[in-house]
């Protein structure tokens, strides 16, 4: 797939994310939504969209940043861990 001057492989692009898991883990570790947003350099409204499922596909870089902020594996945040595991690791 060609996008501008960049060629994408199947490992590029957004992955399906489990927003409910992100919210549950965030609350479990005691982070407020704005704190998580600052950690991943995003807005609190963007995190809210992820957590509520309004935005259910995000770039794998964001998945990695959220996972790091929550101290979990990126795989714990995926909606389809087996299908997207290779893409997140790449």
N, C-alpha and C. Protein backbone atom coordinates (compact mmCIF):
# COMPACT_ATOMS: atom_id res chain seq x y z
N UNK A 1 0.85 -1.16 0.00
CA UNK A 1 0.00 0.00 0.00
C UNK A 1 0.90 1.23 0.00
N UNK A 2 0.64 2.16 -0.87
CA UNK A 2 1.44 3.36 -1.00
C UNK A 2 0.73 4.53 -0.36
N UNK A 3 1.44 5.27 0.47
CA UNK A 3 0.88 6.45 1.11
C UNK A 3 1.93 7.55 1.04
N UNK A 4 1.76 8.49 0.12
CA UNK A 4 2.77 9.52 -0.07
C UNK A 4 4.05 8.89 -0.56
N UNK A 5 5.15 9.23 0.09
CA UNK A 5 6.44 8.65 -0.26
C UNK A 5 6.78 7.45 0.60
N UNK A 6 5.84 6.99 1.38
CA UNK A 6 6.10 5.91 2.32
C UNK A 6 5.33 4.67 1.90
N UNK A 7 6.01 3.55 1.89
CA UNK A 7 5.35 2.29 1.60
C UNK A 7 5.04 1.60 2.91
N UNK A 8 3.82 1.14 3.06
CA UNK A 8 3.41 0.46 4.28
C UNK A 8 3.50 -1.04 4.08
N UNK A 9 3.88 -1.70 5.16
CA UNK A 9 3.83 -3.16 5.18
C UNK A 9 2.61 -3.55 6.00
N UNK A 10 2.35 -4.81 6.11
CA UNK A 10 1.21 -5.24 6.91
C UNK A 10 1.42 -4.94 8.40
N UNK A 11 2.67 -4.65 8.81
CA UNK A 11 2.95 -4.37 10.21
C UNK A 11 2.76 -2.90 10.57
N UNK A 12 2.53 -2.05 9.58
CA UNK A 12 2.34 -0.63 9.84
C UNK A 12 0.88 -0.34 10.11
N UNK A 13 0.64 0.83 10.68
CA UNK A 13 -0.73 1.29 10.82
C UNK A 13 -1.34 0.94 12.16
N UNK A 14 -2.62 1.25 12.28
CA UNK A 14 -3.31 1.08 13.56
C UNK A 14 -3.61 -0.38 13.90
N UNK A 15 -3.74 -0.61 15.20
CA UNK A 15 -4.13 -1.92 15.70
C UNK A 15 -5.39 -1.76 16.54
N UNK A 16 -6.17 -2.82 16.63
CA UNK A 16 -7.39 -2.80 17.44
C UNK A 16 -7.01 -2.85 18.91
N UNK A 17 -7.57 -1.93 19.67
CA UNK A 17 -7.21 -1.80 21.08
C UNK A 17 -8.44 -2.01 21.96
N UNK A 18 -8.22 -2.54 23.15
CA UNK A 18 -9.31 -2.80 24.10
C UNK A 18 -9.38 -1.64 25.09
N UNK A 19 -10.22 -0.68 24.79
CA UNK A 19 -10.34 0.50 25.64
C UNK A 19 -10.81 0.21 27.04
N UNK A 20 -11.68 -0.78 27.18
CA UNK A 20 -12.18 -1.13 28.51
C UNK A 20 -11.05 -1.66 29.38
N UNK A 21 -10.14 -2.42 28.79
CA UNK A 21 -8.98 -2.92 29.53
C UNK A 21 -8.08 -1.77 29.95
N UNK A 22 -7.88 -0.83 29.06
CA UNK A 22 -7.03 0.33 29.39
C UNK A 22 -7.62 1.08 30.58
N UNK A 23 -8.92 1.33 30.54
CA UNK A 23 -9.56 2.06 31.64
C UNK A 23 -9.45 1.27 32.95
N UNK A 24 -9.71 -0.02 32.90
CA UNK A 24 -9.66 -0.85 34.11
C UNK A 24 -8.24 -0.87 34.69
N UNK A 25 -7.24 -1.02 33.85
CA UNK A 25 -5.85 -1.04 34.33
C UNK A 25 -5.47 0.33 34.86
N UNK A 26 -5.85 1.38 34.13
CA UNK A 26 -5.53 2.75 34.57
C UNK A 26 -6.10 3.01 35.96
N UNK A 27 -7.35 2.62 36.17
CA UNK A 27 -7.98 2.82 37.47
C UNK A 27 -7.32 1.94 38.55
N UNK A 28 -6.96 0.74 38.18
CA UNK A 28 -6.31 -0.18 39.12
C UNK A 28 -4.98 0.36 39.61
N UNK A 29 -4.21 0.97 38.71
CA UNK A 29 -2.91 1.52 39.11
C UNK A 29 -3.02 2.93 39.69
N UNK A 30 -4.23 3.49 39.71
CA UNK A 30 -4.45 4.77 40.35
C UNK A 30 -4.10 5.99 39.52
N UNK A 31 -4.10 5.86 38.20
CA UNK A 31 -3.83 7.00 37.33
C UNK A 31 -5.14 7.66 36.93
N UNK A 32 -5.15 8.96 36.93
CA UNK A 32 -6.27 9.72 36.39
C UNK A 32 -6.09 9.81 34.87
N UNK A 33 -7.18 9.98 34.16
CA UNK A 33 -7.12 10.07 32.70
C UNK A 33 -6.15 11.17 32.22
N UNK A 34 -6.18 12.37 32.81
CA UNK A 34 -5.24 13.41 32.36
C UNK A 34 -3.77 13.02 32.60
N UNK A 35 -3.52 12.26 33.65
CA UNK A 35 -2.15 11.81 33.92
C UNK A 35 -1.68 10.84 32.84
N UNK A 36 -2.55 9.91 32.46
CA UNK A 36 -2.20 8.99 31.38
C UNK A 36 -2.01 9.76 30.09
N UNK A 37 -2.88 10.70 29.83
CA UNK A 37 -2.78 11.50 28.61
C UNK A 37 -1.43 12.22 28.54
N UNK A 38 -1.01 12.82 29.64
CA UNK A 38 0.31 13.49 29.66
C UNK A 38 1.43 12.51 29.39
N UNK A 39 1.33 11.31 29.94
CA UNK A 39 2.37 10.29 29.76
C UNK A 39 2.55 9.89 28.30
N UNK A 40 1.45 9.91 27.55
CA UNK A 40 1.52 9.48 26.15
C UNK A 40 1.47 10.67 25.19
N UNK A 41 1.56 11.88 25.77
CA UNK A 41 1.55 13.12 24.97
C UNK A 41 0.29 13.21 24.09
N UNK A 42 -0.84 12.95 24.72
CA UNK A 42 -2.14 13.01 24.04
C UNK A 42 -3.09 13.81 24.92
N UNK A 43 -4.24 14.12 24.39
CA UNK A 43 -5.24 14.84 25.19
C UNK A 43 -6.06 13.84 26.02
N UNK A 44 -6.63 14.34 27.10
CA UNK A 44 -7.50 13.50 27.92
C UNK A 44 -8.72 13.05 27.12
N UNK A 45 -9.20 13.90 26.20
CA UNK A 45 -10.35 13.51 25.38
C UNK A 45 -9.99 12.38 24.42
N UNK A 46 -8.76 12.36 23.93
CA UNK A 46 -8.31 11.26 23.07
C UNK A 46 -8.30 9.95 23.86
N UNK A 47 -7.77 10.00 25.08
CA UNK A 47 -7.76 8.81 25.94
C UNK A 47 -9.20 8.38 26.24
N UNK A 48 -10.08 9.33 26.48
CA UNK A 48 -11.49 9.00 26.74
C UNK A 48 -12.10 8.28 25.54
N UNK A 49 -11.79 8.74 24.34
CA UNK A 49 -12.31 8.09 23.14
C UNK A 49 -11.80 6.66 23.02
N UNK A 50 -10.55 6.45 23.38
CA UNK A 50 -10.00 5.09 23.36
C UNK A 50 -10.71 4.22 24.40
N UNK A 51 -10.82 4.74 25.63
CA UNK A 51 -11.41 3.96 26.71
C UNK A 51 -12.89 3.63 26.48
N UNK A 52 -13.61 4.49 25.82
CA UNK A 52 -15.03 4.24 25.59
C UNK A 52 -15.29 3.47 24.30
N UNK A 53 -14.25 3.25 23.51
CA UNK A 53 -14.42 2.50 22.27
C UNK A 53 -14.79 3.35 21.08
N UNK A 54 -14.93 4.67 21.28
CA UNK A 54 -15.21 5.55 20.15
C UNK A 54 -14.06 5.51 19.16
N UNK A 55 -12.87 5.39 19.69
CA UNK A 55 -11.67 5.23 18.86
C UNK A 55 -11.08 3.88 19.25
N UNK A 56 -11.27 2.88 18.41
CA UNK A 56 -10.84 1.53 18.78
C UNK A 56 -9.66 1.00 17.98
N UNK A 57 -9.10 1.83 17.11
CA UNK A 57 -7.87 1.48 16.41
C UNK A 57 -6.90 2.63 16.59
N UNK A 58 -5.72 2.33 17.12
CA UNK A 58 -4.72 3.37 17.33
C UNK A 58 -3.37 2.88 16.82
N UNK A 59 -2.48 3.82 16.58
CA UNK A 59 -1.15 3.49 16.11
C UNK A 59 -0.41 2.67 17.16
N UNK A 60 0.40 1.75 16.70
CA UNK A 60 1.10 0.86 17.64
C UNK A 60 2.05 1.62 18.55
N UNK A 61 2.52 2.80 18.12
CA UNK A 61 3.37 3.61 18.98
C UNK A 61 2.59 4.10 20.20
N UNK A 62 1.34 4.48 20.00
CA UNK A 62 0.48 4.91 21.11
C UNK A 62 0.21 3.73 22.03
N UNK A 63 -0.02 2.56 21.47
CA UNK A 63 -0.23 1.36 22.29
C UNK A 63 0.98 1.13 23.19
N UNK A 64 2.17 1.25 22.63
CA UNK A 64 3.39 1.04 23.40
C UNK A 64 3.54 2.08 24.51
N UNK A 65 3.21 3.33 24.22
CA UNK A 65 3.30 4.39 25.23
C UNK A 65 2.29 4.19 26.35
N UNK A 66 1.07 3.80 26.00
CA UNK A 66 0.06 3.54 27.02
C UNK A 66 0.49 2.36 27.89
N UNK A 67 0.97 1.31 27.25
CA UNK A 67 1.43 0.13 27.99
C UNK A 67 2.56 0.49 28.96
N UNK A 68 3.48 1.30 28.49
CA UNK A 68 4.60 1.72 29.34
C UNK A 68 4.08 2.53 30.53
N UNK A 69 3.17 3.45 30.29
CA UNK A 69 2.62 4.27 31.36
C UNK A 69 1.86 3.44 32.39
N UNK A 70 1.24 2.34 31.93
CA UNK A 70 0.47 1.48 32.82
C UNK A 70 1.28 0.30 33.36
N UNK A 71 2.54 0.19 32.92
CA UNK A 71 3.44 -0.90 33.35
C UNK A 71 2.87 -2.28 33.01
N UNK A 72 2.36 -2.40 31.79
CA UNK A 72 1.86 -3.69 31.32
C UNK A 72 2.43 -3.96 29.93
N UNK A 73 2.27 -5.17 29.47
CA UNK A 73 2.66 -5.52 28.12
C UNK A 73 1.67 -4.90 27.14
N UNK A 74 2.15 -4.42 25.99
CA UNK A 74 1.23 -3.92 24.97
C UNK A 74 0.16 -4.95 24.58
N UNK A 75 0.51 -6.22 24.66
CA UNK A 75 -0.45 -7.27 24.30
C UNK A 75 -1.68 -7.26 25.21
N UNK A 76 -1.51 -6.81 26.45
CA UNK A 76 -2.63 -6.75 27.39
C UNK A 76 -3.67 -5.72 26.98
N UNK A 77 -3.31 -4.84 26.06
CA UNK A 77 -4.20 -3.75 25.67
C UNK A 77 -4.88 -3.98 24.33
N UNK A 78 -4.53 -5.06 23.66
CA UNK A 78 -5.06 -5.30 22.33
C UNK A 78 -6.42 -6.00 22.36
N UNK A 79 -7.26 -5.65 21.42
CA UNK A 79 -8.56 -6.30 21.30
C UNK A 79 -8.41 -7.71 20.74
N UNK A 80 -7.41 -7.90 19.88
CA UNK A 80 -7.15 -9.20 19.26
C UNK A 80 -5.67 -9.53 19.43
N UNK A 81 -5.24 -9.91 20.64
CA UNK A 81 -3.82 -10.08 20.91
C UNK A 81 -3.09 -11.02 19.96
N UNK A 82 -3.68 -12.14 19.62
CA UNK A 82 -2.98 -13.08 18.74
C UNK A 82 -2.83 -12.52 17.34
N UNK A 83 -3.85 -11.85 16.85
CA UNK A 83 -3.81 -11.34 15.49
C UNK A 83 -2.86 -10.16 15.35
N UNK A 84 -2.76 -9.31 16.38
CA UNK A 84 -1.96 -8.10 16.29
C UNK A 84 -0.61 -8.17 16.99
N UNK A 85 -0.29 -9.28 17.65
CA UNK A 85 0.95 -9.38 18.42
C UNK A 85 2.17 -9.08 17.58
N UNK A 86 2.25 -9.63 16.39
CA UNK A 86 3.40 -9.41 15.52
C UNK A 86 3.52 -7.94 15.12
N UNK A 87 2.40 -7.30 14.90
CA UNK A 87 2.41 -5.90 14.48
C UNK A 87 2.89 -4.98 15.58
N UNK A 88 2.53 -5.27 16.82
CA UNK A 88 2.95 -4.43 17.93
C UNK A 88 4.42 -4.62 18.23
N UNK A 89 4.90 -5.83 18.09
CA UNK A 89 6.31 -6.12 18.38
C UNK A 89 7.25 -5.54 17.33
N UNK A 90 6.76 -5.31 16.13
CA UNK A 90 7.61 -4.83 15.05
C UNK A 90 8.04 -3.40 15.23
